[in-house]
Amino acid sequence: MDRRELFKLSASSLLVPALTEGRLAPVEAQPLSVLTKPWAPRHTVWSLPQSPVRRLAWTVDDGGSLSSLKSYTDLLKRHPYLRMTFFVTSTYSTWRSIHRYLQPLVDTGQVQLANHTHTHADLTRLSSTQIGHELNSCRHFIYEYYGVKSQPFFRPPFGYYNDYVIRSAAAVGYYTPVMWYGTLGDSGSITGHRVVELAKAYFHDEALIIGHSNNLTASSRFDDLLKLIRNRALKTVTLNDVWRS
């Protein structure tokens, strides 16, 4: 199943983790830092916990388009109340190119950077060592370029994971896989009208939304998405906002 097929799944099917039959060979012992009391969930996250505040987590994956990343950065600068989590695929040079625009938002916490691996590989097809390399390469990039730690949140590319991936990721400090409740559907070709339709279906209290910075389709409808957030009295939050508070 490719990514476009995955996003065609119904909302009900997205709420069920797509566990794949995997290799269950032992992985390396977890470092002491991983064994300390976690502040984030040690399980897969599909939505936000209940809160008196109506919260929405708008997350953005990949970074294949510099123009798209710049449009998100400009949006966030124009609207300081907006908060987002970007899942970085560090092989894309766009994350280096956008650095001076994005860094101030990272410094204030308005943008959180999380791990989407180095090459966007299907982790279920890799060995434990390779999984560690994918996550650690992205982790080092985020820290070296932006000065922030990205553990423990990671998003497995394509949404593909299994028990072996979870254990291997936890062994290098990524013990919270982050999936999604709803999608903007913009990983590939889609109309702006369809993006708005999906937002209307999924922008709700406690929702965790996935979008992509690979094209300008969602950017072309930012005004509609912001209006929807305002009309539904939603407060956008990063993952750190939810679990570190």
C-alpha atoms as a PDB file:
ATOM      1  CA  MET A   1       0.000   0.000   0.000  1.00  0.00           C
ATOM      2  CA  ASP A   2       1.456   3.363  -0.970  1.00  0.00           C
ATOM      3  CA  ARG A   3       0.898   6.579   0.950  1.00  0.00           C
ATOM      4  CA  ARG A   4      -1.962   7.749  -1.235  1.00  0.00           C
ATOM      5  CA  GLU A   5      -3.815   4.501  -0.673  1.00  0.00           C
ATOM      6  CA  LEU A   6      -3.228   4.791   3.059  1.00  0.00           C
ATOM      7  CA  PHE A   7      -4.854   8.213   3.162  1.00  0.00           C
ATOM      8  CA  LYS A   8      -7.974   6.869   1.445  1.00  0.00           C
ATOM      9  CA  LEU A   9      -8.774   4.768   4.487  1.00  0.00           C
ATOM     10  CA  SER A  10     -11.859   5.741   6.405  1.00  0.00           C
ATOM     11  CA  ALA A  11     -11.670   7.528   9.731  1.00  0.00           C
ATOM     12  CA  SER A  12     -12.750   4.382  11.530  1.00  0.00           C
ATOM     13  CA  SER A  13      -9.938   2.332  10.056  1.00  0.00           C
ATOM     14  CA  LEU A  14      -7.400   5.035  10.881  1.00  0.00           C
ATOM     15  CA  LEU A  15      -8.293   4.641  14.522  1.00  0.00           C
ATOM     16  CA  VAL A  16      -6.992   1.076  14.521  1.00  0.00           C
ATOM     17  CA  PRO A  17      -3.176   0.743  14.580  1.00  0.00           C
ATOM     18  CA  ALA A  18      -1.924  -0.888  11.383  1.00  0.00           C
ATOM     19  CA  LEU A  19       0.359  -3.400  13.028  1.00  0.00           C
ATOM     20  CA  THR A  20       2.305  -5.471  10.559  1.00  0.00           C
ATOM     21  CA  GLU A  21       3.764  -8.897  11.099  1.00  0.00           C
ATOM     22  CA  GLY A  22       7.365  -8.161  12.037  1.00  0.00           C
ATOM     23  CA  ARG A  23      10.670  -9.594  13.086  1.00  0.00           C
ATOM     24  CA  LEU A  24      10.921 -10.077  16.826  1.00  0.00           C
ATOM     25  CA  ALA A  25      14.650 -10.565  17.233  1.00  0.00           C
ATOM     26  CA  PRO A  26      16.144  -9.006  20.391  1.00  0.00           C
ATOM     27  CA  VAL A  27      17.226  -5.391  20.213  1.00  0.00           C
ATOM     28  CA  GLU A  28      19.984  -3.686  22.139  1.00  0.00           C
ATOM     29  CA  ALA A  29      19.391  -2.905  25.805  1.00  0.00           C
ATOM     30  CA  GLN A  30      17.856   0.494  26.393  1.00  0.00           C
ATOM     31  CA  PRO A  31      20.206   3.205  27.681  1.00  0.00           C
ATOM     32  CA  LEU A  32      19.717   4.508  31.196  1.00  0.00           C
ATOM     33  CA  SER A  33      18.204   7.751  29.893  1.00  0.00           C
ATOM     34  CA  VAL A  34      15.405   5.776  28.244  1.00  0.00           C
ATOM     35  CA  LEU A  35      14.708   3.763  31.390  1.00  0.00           C
ATOM     36  CA  THR A  36      14.007   6.833  33.507  1.00  0.00           C
ATOM     37  CA  LYS A  37      10.399   7.765  34.203  1.00  0.00           C
ATOM     38  CA  PRO A  38       8.881   8.928  30.885  1.00  0.00           C
ATOM     39  CA  TRP A  39       7.067  12.241  30.633  1.00  0.00           C
ATOM     40  CA  ALA A  40       5.331  11.266  27.386  1.00  0.00           C
ATOM     41  CA  PRO A  41       3.208   8.168  26.719  1.00  0.00           C
ATOM     42  CA  ARG A  42       5.001   4.867  26.163  1.00  0.00           C
ATOM     43  CA  HIS A  43       2.430   3.861  23.594  1.00  0.00           C
ATOM     44  CA  THR A  44       1.197   4.919  20.178  1.00  0.00           C
ATOM     45  CA  VAL A  45      -0.600   8.268  20.154  1.00  0.00           C
ATOM     46  CA  TRP A  46      -3.620   8.662  17.862  1.00  0.00           C
ATOM     47  CA  SER A  47      -5.338  11.653  19.456  1.00  0.00           C
ATOM     48  CA  LEU A  48      -4.982  14.075  22.364  1.00  0.00           C
ATOM     49  CA  PRO A  49      -6.062  13.347  25.927  1.00  0.00           C
ATOM     50  CA  GLN A  50      -9.143  15.039  27.315  1.00  0.00           C
ATOM     51  CA  SER A  51      -8.739  18.584  28.557  1.00  0.00           C
ATOM     52  CA  PRO A  52     -10.987  21.464  29.678  1.00  0.00           C
ATOM     53  CA  VAL A  53      -9.503  23.377  26.712  1.00  0.00           C
ATOM     54  CA  ARG A  54     -10.600  22.480  23.185  1.00  0.00           C
ATOM     55  CA  ARG A  55      -7.273  21.472  21.639  1.00  0.00           C
ATOM     56  CA  LEU A  56      -6.125  20.539  18.151  1.00  0.00           C
ATOM     57  CA  ALA A  57      -2.656  19.224  17.254  1.00  0.00           C
ATOM     58  CA  TRP A  58      -1.823  20.242  13.668  1.00  0.00           C
ATOM     59  CA  THR A  59       1.258  18.301  12.594  1.00  0.00           C
ATOM     60  CA  VAL A  60       3.172  18.654   9.325  1.00  0.00           C
ATOM     61  CA  ASP A  61       5.332  15.919   7.780  1.00  0.00           C
ATOM     62  CA  ASP A  62       8.245  15.569   5.363  1.00  0.00           C
ATOM     63  CA  GLY A  63       9.464  18.953   4.058  1.00  0.00           C
ATOM     64  CA  GLY A  64       9.918  18.090   0.404  1.00  0.00           C
ATOM     65  CA  SER A  65       8.986  21.592  -0.790  1.00  0.00           C
ATOM     66  CA  LEU A  66      10.870  24.696   0.324  1.00  0.00           C
ATOM     67  CA  SER A  67       8.001  26.877  -0.880  1.00  0.00           C
ATOM     68  CA  SER A  68       5.582  24.920   1.267  1.00  0.00           C
ATOM     69  CA  LEU A  69       7.808  25.127   4.344  1.00  0.00           C
ATOM     70  CA  LYS A  70       8.193  28.855   3.804  1.00  0.00           C
ATOM     71  CA  SER A  71       4.419  29.267   3.523  1.00  0.00           C
ATOM     72  CA  TYR A  72       3.946  27.478   6.870  1.00  0.00           C
ATOM     73  CA  THR A  73       6.656  29.612   8.449  1.00  0.00           C
ATOM     74  CA  ASP A  74       5.059  32.806   7.150  1.00  0.00           C
ATOM     75  CA  LEU A  75       1.649  31.654   8.407  1.00  0.00           C
ATOM     76  CA  LEU A  76       3.008  31.022  11.897  1.00  0.00           C
ATOM     77  CA  LYS A  77       4.761  34.367  12.009  1.00  0.00           C
ATOM     78  CA  ARG A  78       1.570  36.178  10.996  1.00  0.00           C
ATOM     79  CA  HIS A  79      -0.455  34.299  13.628  1.00  0.00           C
ATOM     80  CA  PRO A  80       1.601  33.818  16.816  1.00  0.00           C
ATOM     81  CA  TYR A  81      -1.276  31.983  18.503  1.00  0.00           C
ATOM     82  CA  LEU A  82      -0.844  29.091  16.050  1.00  0.00           C
ATOM     83  CA  ARG A  83       1.347  26.239  17.262  1.00  0.00           C
ATOM     84  CA  MET A  84       2.446  23.236  15.193  1.00  0.00           C
ATOM     85  CA  THR A  85       4.659  20.169  15.321  1.00  0.00           C
ATOM     86  CA  PHE A  86       6.813  19.491  12.255  1.00  0.00           C
ATOM     87  CA  PHE A  87       7.975  15.925  11.655  1.00  0.00           C
ATOM     88  CA  VAL A  88      11.325  16.343   9.950  1.00  0.00           C
ATOM     89  CA  THR A  89      12.664  14.079   7.195  1.00  0.00           C
ATOM     90  CA  SER A  90      16.260  15.186   7.491  1.00  0.00           C
ATOM     91  CA  THR A  91      17.538  14.057   4.086  1.00  0.00           C
ATOM     92  CA  TYR A  92      15.629  16.982   2.534  1.00  0.00           C
ATOM     93  CA  SER A  93      17.922  19.995   2.062  1.00  0.00           C
ATOM     94  CA  THR A  94      14.882  22.222   2.598  1.00  0.00           C
ATOM     95  CA  TRP A  95      15.327  21.943   6.373  1.00  0.00           C
ATOM     96  CA  ARG A  96      18.735  23.568   6.012  1.00  0.00           C
ATOM     97  CA  SER A  97      17.449  26.197   3.583  1.00  0.00           C
ATOM     98  CA  ILE A  98      14.566  27.216   5.857  1.00  0.00           C
ATOM     99  CA  HIS A  99      16.725  27.369   8.972  1.00  0.00           C
ATOM    100  CA  ARG A 100      16.975  31.136   9.467  1.00  0.00           C
ATOM    101  CA  TYR A 101      13.228  31.572   8.995  1.00  0.00           C
ATOM    102  CA  LEU A 102      12.200  28.647  11.163  1.00  0.00           C
ATOM    103  CA  GLN A 103      14.727  28.896  13.990  1.00  0.00           C
ATOM    104  CA  PRO A 104      13.024  31.810  15.822  1.00  0.00           C
ATOM    105  CA  LEU A 105       9.760  29.829  15.928  1.00  0.00           C
ATOM    106  CA  VAL A 106      11.578  26.785  17.282  1.00  0.00           C
ATOM    107  CA  ASP A 107      13.314  28.927  19.896  1.00  0.00           C
ATOM    108  CA  THR A 108       9.997  30.231  21.253  1.00  0.00           C
ATOM    109  CA  GLY A 109       8.338  26.801  21.201  1.00  0.00           C
ATOM    110  CA  GLN A 110       5.711  27.891  18.691  1.00  0.00           C
ATOM    111  CA  VAL A 111       7.067  25.128  16.458  1.00  0.00           C
ATOM    112  CA  GLN A 112       8.167  21.747  17.786  1.00  0.00           C
ATOM    113  CA  LEU A 113      10.459  19.541  15.705  1.00  0.00           C
ATOM    114  CA  ALA A 114       9.950  15.772  15.885  1.00  0.00           C
ATOM    115  CA  ASN A 115      11.502  12.808  14.080  1.00  0.00           C
ATOM    116  CA  HIS A 116      10.229  11.427  10.759  1.00  0.00           C
ATOM    117  CA  THR A 117      13.476   9.519  10.020  1.00  0.00           C
ATOM    118  CA  HIS A 118      16.359  10.486   7.745  1.00  0.00           C
ATOM    119  CA  THR A 119      15.282   9.004   4.395  1.00  0.00           C
ATOM    120  CA  HIS A 120      11.545   8.295   4.909  1.00  0.00           C
ATOM    121  CA  ALA A 121      12.177   4.550   4.777  1.00  0.00           C
ATOM    122  CA  ASP A 122       9.599   1.878   5.579  1.00  0.00           C
ATOM    123  CA  LEU A 123      10.878   0.915   9.033  1.00  0.00           C
ATOM    124  CA  THR A 124       9.123  -2.464   8.980  1.00  0.00           C
ATOM    125  CA  ARG A 125      11.589  -3.573   6.298  1.00  0.00           C
ATOM    126  CA  LEU A 126      14.717  -2.581   8.214  1.00  0.00           C
ATOM    127  CA  SER A 127      16.866  -4.239  10.849  1.00  0.00           C
ATOM    128  CA  SER A 128      17.050  -2.845  14.372  1.00  0.00           C
ATOM    129  CA  THR A 129      20.421  -1.288  13.553  1.00  0.00           C
ATOM    130  CA  GLN A 130      19.019   0.368  10.428  1.00  0.00           C
ATOM    131  CA  ILE A 131      16.004   1.694  12.319  1.00  0.00           C
ATOM    132  CA  GLY A 132      18.354   3.189  14.876  1.00  0.00           C
ATOM    133  CA  HIS A 133      20.417   4.781  12.112  1.00  0.00           C
ATOM    134  CA  GLU A 134      17.333   6.338  10.488  1.00  0.00           C
ATOM    135  CA  LEU A 135      16.146   7.862  13.755  1.00  0.00           C
ATOM    136  CA  ASN A 136      19.563   8.863  15.085  1.00  0.00           C
ATOM    137  CA  SER A 137      20.582  10.555  11.833  1.00  0.00           C
ATOM    138  CA  CYS A 138      17.452  12.708  11.987  1.00  0.00           C
ATOM    139  CA  ARG A 139      17.932  13.301  15.723  1.00  0.00           C
ATOM    140  CA  HIS A 140      21.497  14.528  15.207  1.00  0.00           C
ATOM    141  CA  PHE A 141      20.410  16.799  12.366  1.00  0.00           C
ATOM    142  CA  ILE A 142      17.644  18.432  14.394  1.00  0.00           C
ATOM    143  CA  TYR A 143      19.945  19.012  17.344  1.00  0.00           C
ATOM    144  CA  GLU A 144      22.897  20.263  15.308  1.00  0.00           C
ATOM    145  CA  TYR A 145      20.885  22.661  13.125  1.00  0.00           C
ATOM    146  CA  TYR A 146      18.121  23.748  15.484  1.00  0.00           C
ATOM    147  CA  GLY A 147      19.526  23.054  18.937  1.00  0.00           C
ATOM    148  CA  VAL A 148      16.550  21.073  20.250  1.00  0.00           C
ATOM    149  CA  LYS A 149      15.987  17.478  21.263  1.00  0.00           C
ATOM    150  CA  SER A 150      13.372  15.568  19.307  1.00  0.00           C
ATOM    151  CA  GLN A 151      12.843  12.565  21.583  1.00  0.00           C
ATOM    152  CA  PRO A 152      10.564  10.810  22.378  1.00  0.00           C
ATOM    153  CA  PHE A 153       8.147  11.561  19.505  1.00  0.00           C
ATOM    154  CA  PHE A 154       8.566   9.963  16.086  1.00  0.00           C
ATOM    155  CA  ARG A 155       6.252   9.266  13.195  1.00  0.00           C
ATOM    156  CA  PRO A 156       6.973   6.107  11.195  1.00  0.00           C
ATOM    157  CA  PRO A 157       6.924   6.872   7.454  1.00  0.00           C
ATOM    158  CA  PHE A 158       3.707   5.844   5.671  1.00  0.00           C
ATOM    159  CA  GLY A 159       2.276   5.007   9.095  1.00  0.00           C
ATOM    160  CA  TYR A 160       3.962   1.588   8.849  1.00  0.00           C
ATOM    161  CA  TYR A 161       5.122   0.089  12.124  1.00  0.00           C
ATOM    162  CA  ASN A 162       4.997  -3.085  14.179  1.00  0.00           C
ATOM    163  CA  ASP A 163       6.154  -4.315  17.574  1.00  0.00           C
ATOM    164  CA  TYR A 164       9.714  -4.730  16.332  1.00  0.00           C
ATOM    165  CA  VAL A 165       9.838  -1.114  15.107  1.00  0.00           C
ATOM    166  CA  ILE A 166       8.427   0.134  18.415  1.00  0.00           C
ATOM    167  CA  ARG A 167      11.045  -1.759  20.429  1.00  0.00           C
ATOM    168  CA  SER A 168      13.897  -0.706  18.148  1.00  0.00           C
ATOM    169  CA  ALA A 169      12.845   2.941  18.249  1.00  0.00           C
ATOM    170  CA  ALA A 170      12.471   2.899  22.032  1.00  0.00           C
ATOM    171  CA  ALA A 171      16.007   1.541  22.302  1.00  0.00           C
ATOM    172  CA  VAL A 172      17.312   4.853  20.898  1.00  0.00           C
ATOM    173  CA  GLY A 173      14.984   7.072  22.929  1.00  0.00           C
ATOM    174  CA  TYR A 174      11.909   7.269  20.685  1.00  0.00           C
ATOM    175  CA  TYR A 175       9.266   5.553  22.763  1.00  0.00           C
ATOM    176  CA  THR A 176       6.193   7.500  21.567  1.00  0.00           C
ATOM    177  CA  PRO A 177       5.049   6.706  18.012  1.00  0.00           C
ATOM    178  CA  VAL A 178       2.694   9.425  16.769  1.00  0.00           C
ATOM    179  CA  MET A 179      -0.028   8.551  14.293  1.00  0.00           C
ATOM    180  CA  TRP A 180      -3.128  10.637  13.518  1.00  0.00           C
ATOM    181  CA  TYR A 181      -6.875  10.925  13.902  1.00  0.00           C
ATOM    182  CA  GLY A 182      -7.403  12.738  10.609  1.00  0.00           C
ATOM    183  CA  THR A 183      -5.514  13.844   7.524  1.00  0.00           C
ATOM    184  CA  LEU A 184      -5.489  16.816   5.158  1.00  0.00           C
ATOM    185  CA  GLY A 185      -4.739  14.271   2.432  1.00  0.00           C
ATOM    186  CA  ASP A 186      -2.051  16.446   0.870  1.00  0.00           C
ATOM    187  CA  SER A 187       0.871  14.028   0.645  1.00  0.00           C
ATOM    188  CA  GLY A 188       0.206  13.793  -3.087  1.00  0.00           C
ATOM    189  CA  SER A 189      -2.134  15.261  -5.681  1.00  0.00           C
ATOM    190  CA  ILE A 190      -5.296  16.733  -4.173  1.00  0.00           C
ATOM    191  CA  THR A 191      -7.473  19.793  -4.711  1.00  0.00           C
ATOM    192  CA  GLY A 192      -7.687  22.672  -2.285  1.00  0.00           C
ATOM    193  CA  HIS A 193     -11.415  22.077  -2.026  1.00  0.00           C
ATOM    194  CA  ARG A 194     -10.780  18.511  -0.863  1.00  0.00           C
ATOM    195  CA  VAL A 195      -8.277  19.726   1.753  1.00  0.00           C
ATOM    196  CA  VAL A 196     -10.988  21.958   3.227  1.00  0.00           C
ATOM    197  CA  GLU A 197     -13.518  19.115   3.159  1.00  0.00           C
ATOM    198  CA  LEU A 198     -11.114  16.896   5.091  1.00  0.00           C
ATOM    199  CA  ALA A 199     -10.391  19.665   7.579  1.00  0.00           C
ATOM    200  CA  LYS A 200     -14.120  20.076   8.196  1.00  0.00           C
ATOM    201  CA  ALA A 201     -14.349  16.348   8.856  1.00  0.00           C
ATOM    202  CA  TYR A 202     -11.362  16.126  11.186  1.00  0.00           C
ATOM    203  CA  PHE A 203     -10.679  19.493  12.873  1.00  0.00           C
ATOM    204  CA  HIS A 204     -12.269  18.718  16.240  1.00  0.00           C
ATOM    205  CA  ASP A 205     -11.427  18.819  19.930  1.00  0.00           C
ATOM    206  CA  GLU A 206      -8.692  16.288  20.838  1.00  0.00           C
ATOM    207  CA  ALA A 207      -7.876  15.644  17.168  1.00  0.00           C
ATOM    208  CA  LEU A 208      -4.347  14.967  15.983  1.00  0.00           C
ATOM    209  CA  ILE A 209      -4.081  16.021  12.326  1.00  0.00           C
ATOM    210  CA  ILE A 210      -1.458  15.118   9.731  1.00  0.00           C
ATOM    211  CA  GLY A 211      -0.565  17.423   6.849  1.00  0.00           C
ATOM    212  CA  HIS A 212       2.476  17.585   4.547  1.00  0.00           C
ATOM    213  CA  SER A 213       4.863  20.244   3.342  1.00  0.00           C
ATOM    214  CA  ASN A 214       5.442  18.741  -0.093  1.00  0.00           C
ATOM    215  CA  ASN A 215       3.248  21.053  -2.160  1.00  0.00           C
ATOM    216  CA  LEU A 216       1.292  24.288  -1.875  1.00  0.00           C
ATOM    217  CA  THR A 217      -2.234  22.858  -1.923  1.00  0.00           C
ATOM    218  CA  ALA A 218      -2.920  23.220   1.804  1.00  0.00           C
ATOM    219  CA  SER A 219      -1.172  26.595   1.804  1.00  0.00           C
ATOM    220  CA  SER A 220      -3.613  27.882  -0.788  1.00  0.00           C
ATOM    221  CA  ARG A 221      -6.466  27.265   1.675  1.00  0.00           C
ATOM    222  CA  PHE A 222      -4.863  28.476   4.904  1.00  0.00           C
ATOM    223  CA  ASP A 223      -7.510  31.176   5.330  1.00  0.00           C
ATOM    224  CA  ASP A 224     -10.269  28.563   5.233  1.00  0.00           C
ATOM    225  CA  LEU A 225      -8.434  26.333   7.715  1.00  0.00           C
ATOM    226  CA  LEU A 226      -7.861  29.207  10.147  1.00  0.00           C
ATOM    227  CA  LYS A 227     -11.514  30.232   9.903  1.00  0.00           C
ATOM    228  CA  LEU A 228     -12.522  26.677  10.761  1.00  0.00           C
ATOM    229  CA  ILE A 229     -10.227  26.670  13.803  1.00  0.00           C
ATOM    230  CA  ARG A 230     -11.666  29.975  15.013  1.00  0.00           C
ATOM    231  CA  ASN A 231     -15.298  28.991  14.416  1.00  0.00           C
ATOM    232  CA  ARG A 232     -14.842  25.772  16.374  1.00  0.00           C
ATOM    233  CA  ALA A 233     -13.023  27.567  19.219  1.00  0.00           C
ATOM    234  CA  LEU A 234      -9.995  25.292  18.919  1.00  0.00           C
ATOM    235  CA  LYS A 235      -6.598  26.018  20.384  1.00  0.00           C
ATOM    236  CA  THR A 236      -3.659  24.622  18.388  1.00  0.00           C
ATOM    237  CA  VAL A 237      -0.981  22.911  20.468  1.00  0.00           C
ATOM    238  CA  THR A 238       2.332  21.154  19.976  1.00  0.00           C
ATOM    239  CA  LEU A 239       2.910  17.691  21.384  1.00  0.00           C
ATOM    240  CA  ASN A 240       5.195  19.209  24.017  1.00  0.00           C
ATOM    241  CA  ASP A 241       2.386  21.578  25.010  1.00  0.00           C
ATOM    242  CA  VAL A 242       0.162  18.589  25.701  1.00  0.00           C
ATOM    243  CA  TRP A 243       2.518  16.260  27.524  1.00  0.00           C
ATOM    244  CA  ARG A 244       5.084  18.576  29.111  1.00  0.00           C
ATOM    245  CA  SER A 245       2.511  20.909  30.666  1.00  0.00           C
END
